C-alpha atoms as a PDB file:
ATOM      1  CA  MET A   1      -6.624   1.431 -28.142  1.00  0.00           C
ATOM      2  CA  THR A   2      -9.521   1.784 -30.235  1.00  0.00           C
ATOM      3  CA  ALA A   3     -10.249  -0.788 -33.128  1.00  0.00           C
ATOM      4  CA  ALA A   4      -9.052   1.517 -36.398  1.00  0.00           C
ATOM      5  CA  LEU A   5      -5.813   1.930 -34.774  1.00  0.00           C
ATOM      6  CA  GLY A   6      -5.317  -1.374 -34.102  1.00  0.00           C
ATOM      7  CA  ALA A   7      -6.351  -2.861 -37.200  1.00  0.00           C
ATOM      8  CA  TRP A   8      -4.059  -0.216 -38.904  1.00  0.00           C
ATOM      9  CA  LEU A   9      -1.211  -1.656 -36.799  1.00  0.00           C
ATOM     10  CA  GLY A  10      -1.582  -4.993 -37.835  1.00  0.00           C
ATOM     11  CA  ALA A  11      -2.034  -3.513 -41.530  1.00  0.00           C
ATOM     12  CA  PHE A  12       1.337  -1.834 -40.743  1.00  0.00           C
ATOM     13  CA  ALA A  13       3.662  -4.671 -39.438  1.00  0.00           C
ATOM     14  CA  LEU A  14       2.375  -6.645 -41.913  1.00  0.00           C
ATOM     15  CA  THR A  15       3.191  -4.108 -44.605  1.00  0.00           C
ATOM     16  CA  GLN A  16       6.554  -3.424 -43.300  1.00  0.00           C
ATOM     17  CA  LEU A  17       7.472  -7.064 -42.628  1.00  0.00           C
ATOM     18  CA  VAL A  18       6.524  -7.533 -46.427  1.00  0.00           C
ATOM     19  CA  GLU A  19       8.152  -4.253 -47.915  1.00  0.00           C
ATOM     20  CA  THR A  20      10.890  -3.627 -45.629  1.00  0.00           C
ATOM     21  CA  PRO A  21      13.628  -6.292 -46.759  1.00  0.00           C
ATOM     22  CA  ILE A  22      12.538  -5.339 -50.717  1.00  0.00           C
ATOM     23  CA  HIS A  23      13.075  -1.563 -50.002  1.00  0.00           C
ATOM     24  CA  ALA A  24      16.469  -2.463 -48.234  1.00  0.00           C
ATOM     25  CA  ARG A  25      17.477  -4.479 -51.313  1.00  0.00           C
ATOM     26  CA  ALA A  26      16.868  -1.523 -53.317  1.00  0.00           C
ATOM     27  CA  LEU A  27      18.805   0.652 -51.544  1.00  0.00           C
ATOM     28  CA  GLY A  28      22.187  -1.584 -52.624  1.00  0.00           C
ATOM     29  CA  PRO A  29      25.042  -2.976 -51.187  1.00  0.00           C
ATOM     30  CA  GLY A  30      26.785   0.785 -50.552  1.00  0.00           C
ATOM     31  CA  ARG A  31      25.340   0.609 -47.111  1.00  0.00           C
ATOM     32  CA  PRO A  32      25.584  -1.288 -43.702  1.00  0.00           C
ATOM     33  CA  TRP A  33      22.417  -3.766 -44.150  1.00  0.00           C
ATOM     34  CA  ALA A  34      20.900  -2.487 -40.423  1.00  0.00           C
ATOM     35  CA  ARG A  35      21.177   1.081 -42.139  1.00  0.00           C
ATOM     36  CA  ARG A  36      19.182  -0.293 -45.238  1.00  0.00           C
ATOM     37  CA  LEU A  37      16.472  -1.763 -43.088  1.00  0.00           C
ATOM     38  CA  LEU A  38      15.925   1.490 -41.369  1.00  0.00           C
ATOM     39  CA  LEU A  39      15.927   3.555 -44.549  1.00  0.00           C
ATOM     40  CA  GLY A  40      13.258   0.571 -46.075  1.00  0.00           C
ATOM     41  CA  PHE A  41      11.183   0.896 -43.340  1.00  0.00           C
ATOM     42  CA  GLY A  42      10.988   4.536 -43.907  1.00  0.00           C
ATOM     43  CA  ALA A  43       9.558   4.538 -47.191  1.00  0.00           C
ATOM     44  CA  SER A  44       6.219   2.665 -46.059  1.00  0.00           C
ATOM     45  CA  ALA A  45       5.934   4.708 -42.735  1.00  0.00           C
ATOM     46  CA  LEU A  46       5.792   7.719 -45.220  1.00  0.00           C
ATOM     47  CA  THR A  47       2.832   6.374 -47.078  1.00  0.00           C
ATOM     48  CA  HIS A  48       1.126   3.438 -44.824  1.00  0.00           C
ATOM     49  CA  PRO A  49      -0.915   5.918 -42.736  1.00  0.00           C
ATOM     50  CA  ILE A  50      -1.951   8.197 -45.117  1.00  0.00           C
ATOM     51  CA  VAL A  51      -3.379   5.404 -46.895  1.00  0.00           C
ATOM     52  CA  PHE A  52      -5.046   3.568 -44.095  1.00  0.00           C
ATOM     53  CA  PHE A  53      -6.335   6.651 -42.740  1.00  0.00           C
ATOM     54  CA  GLY A  54      -6.271   9.488 -44.958  1.00  0.00           C
ATOM     55  CA  PHE A  55      -7.566   8.086 -48.348  1.00  0.00           C
ATOM     56  CA  PRO A  56     -10.697   6.752 -46.931  1.00  0.00           C
ATOM     57  CA  ARG A  57     -11.478   9.893 -45.741  1.00  0.00           C
ATOM     58  CA  LEU A  58      -9.987  12.056 -48.662  1.00  0.00           C
ATOM     59  CA  LEU A  59     -11.892  10.406 -51.335  1.00  0.00           C
ATOM     60  CA  PRO A  60     -15.088   9.061 -49.673  1.00  0.00           C
ATOM     61  CA  THR A  61     -17.488   8.719 -52.420  1.00  0.00           C
ATOM     62  CA  LEU A  62     -14.723   6.748 -54.319  1.00  0.00           C
ATOM     63  CA  PHE A  63     -14.329   4.387 -51.741  1.00  0.00           C
ATOM     64  CA  ALA A  64     -18.466   3.851 -51.103  1.00  0.00           C
ATOM     65  CA  ARG A  65     -18.594   3.600 -54.882  1.00  0.00           C
ATOM     66  CA  ASP A  66     -16.087   1.729 -55.814  1.00  0.00           C
ATOM     67  CA  TYR A  67     -13.693   0.267 -53.167  1.00  0.00           C
ATOM     68  CA  TRP A  68     -11.158  -1.573 -55.368  1.00  0.00           C
ATOM     69  CA  SER A  69     -10.882   2.051 -56.968  1.00  0.00           C
ATOM     70  CA  GLY A  70      -9.992   3.538 -54.155  1.00  0.00           C
ATOM     71  CA  VAL A  71      -7.550   1.203 -53.282  1.00  0.00           C
ATOM     72  CA  ALA A  72      -5.796   1.484 -56.615  1.00  0.00           C
ATOM     73  CA  ALA A  73      -5.519   5.565 -56.024  1.00  0.00           C
ATOM     74  CA  ALA A  74      -4.168   4.879 -52.555  1.00  0.00           C
ATOM     75  CA  GLU A  75      -1.630   2.267 -53.971  1.00  0.00           C
ATOM     76  CA  ALA A  76      -0.660   4.436 -56.942  1.00  0.00           C
ATOM     77  CA  PHE A  77       0.086   7.313 -54.414  1.00  0.00           C
ATOM     78  CA  ALA A  78       2.102   4.973 -52.393  1.00  0.00           C
ATOM     79  CA  VAL A  79       4.232   3.893 -55.193  1.00  0.00           C
ATOM     80  CA  ALA A  80       4.686   7.106 -56.579  1.00  0.00           C
ATOM     81  CA  VAL A  81       6.238   8.806 -53.079  1.00  0.00           C
ATOM     82  CA  GLU A  82       8.028   5.716 -52.105  1.00  0.00           C
ATOM     83  CA  ALA A  83       9.519   6.181 -55.802  1.00  0.00           C
ATOM     84  CA  LEU A  84      10.224   9.286 -54.930  1.00  0.00           C
ATOM     85  CA  TYR A  85      11.887   8.779 -51.791  1.00  0.00           C
ATOM     86  CA  LEU A  86      14.000   5.910 -53.343  1.00  0.00           C
ATOM     87  CA  ARG A  87      15.266   8.118 -55.667  1.00  0.00           C
ATOM     88  CA  ARG A  88      16.100  10.912 -53.750  1.00  0.00           C
ATOM     89  CA  LEU A  89      18.405   8.119 -51.843  1.00  0.00           C
ATOM     90  CA  GLY A  90      20.050   6.797 -54.958  1.00  0.00           C
ATOM     91  CA  VAL A  91      18.333   4.402 -56.508  1.00  0.00           C
ATOM     92  CA  GLU A  92      18.292   4.206 -60.024  1.00  0.00           C
ATOM     93  CA  ARG A  93      15.503   2.022 -61.071  1.00  0.00           C
ATOM     94  CA  ALA A  94      13.268   3.257 -58.144  1.00  0.00           C
ATOM     95  CA  ILE A  95       9.786   2.925 -59.263  1.00  0.00           C
ATOM     96  CA  PRO A  96      10.135  -1.181 -60.250  1.00  0.00           C
ATOM     97  CA  TRP A  97      11.264  -1.414 -56.695  1.00  0.00           C
ATOM     98  CA  ALA A  98       8.820   0.669 -55.346  1.00  0.00           C
ATOM     99  CA  LEU A  99       5.631  -1.132 -57.370  1.00  0.00           C
ATOM    100  CA  LEU A 100       7.212  -4.506 -56.330  1.00  0.00           C
ATOM    101  CA  ALA A 101       7.450  -3.615 -52.837  1.00  0.00           C
ATOM    102  CA  ASN A 102       3.422  -2.621 -52.815  1.00  0.00           C
ATOM    103  CA  ALA A 103       2.290  -5.576 -54.844  1.00  0.00           C
ATOM    104  CA  ALA A 104       3.901  -8.134 -52.684  1.00  0.00           C
ATOM    105  CA  SER A 105       2.025  -6.094 -49.329  1.00  0.00           C
ATOM    106  CA  VAL A 106      -0.832  -5.986 -51.320  1.00  0.00           C
ATOM    107  CA  ALA A 107      -1.025  -9.615 -52.257  1.00  0.00           C
ATOM    108  CA  VAL A 108       0.297 -11.080 -48.969  1.00  0.00           C
ATOM    109  CA  GLY A 109      -2.461  -8.741 -47.437  1.00  0.00           C
ATOM    110  CA  LEU A 110      -4.704 -10.063 -49.476  1.00  0.00           C
ATOM    111  CA  LEU A 111      -3.875 -13.579 -48.568  1.00  0.00           C
ATOM    112  CA  THR A 112      -3.690 -13.384 -45.166  1.00  0.00           C
ATOM    113  CA  ARG A 113      -7.391 -11.608 -44.948  1.00  0.00           C
ATOM    114  CA  ALA A 114      -8.606 -14.667 -47.028  1.00  0.00           C
ATOM    115  CA  GLY A 115      -6.424 -17.146 -45.357  1.00  0.00           C
ATOM    116  CA  PHE A 116      -6.763 -15.817 -41.636  1.00  0.00           C
ATOM    117  CA  GLY A 117      -9.238 -13.073 -41.559  1.00  0.00           C
ATOM    118  CA  TRP A 118      -6.106 -10.793 -40.968  1.00  0.00           C
ATOM    119  CA  PRO A 119      -5.235  -7.930 -40.826  1.00  0.00           C
END
């Protein structure tokens, strides 16, 4: 396994642990919990590979010049796409839910990186 793939898998797992329950909660009580978890997993599964692998390749100058601006652009993309995904599944306040999920995973990721050097 390459180092980049290993780093992505760790970041993806942490993102899913944080975001999936939030997305599942957003999907409301009208669905069985297992279905909500599966659909919640799908939200981040759509965006995470693009954020992790695509954005640094699509915007290399931005990431090289100002890493945090690149991160902000990638996270804005993730929030927008996940909100659209949630909205298509019937979530009425999809943008706040997507923003909450992504803000939580960024915060946990920054904390675990600062505390443990991972992911």
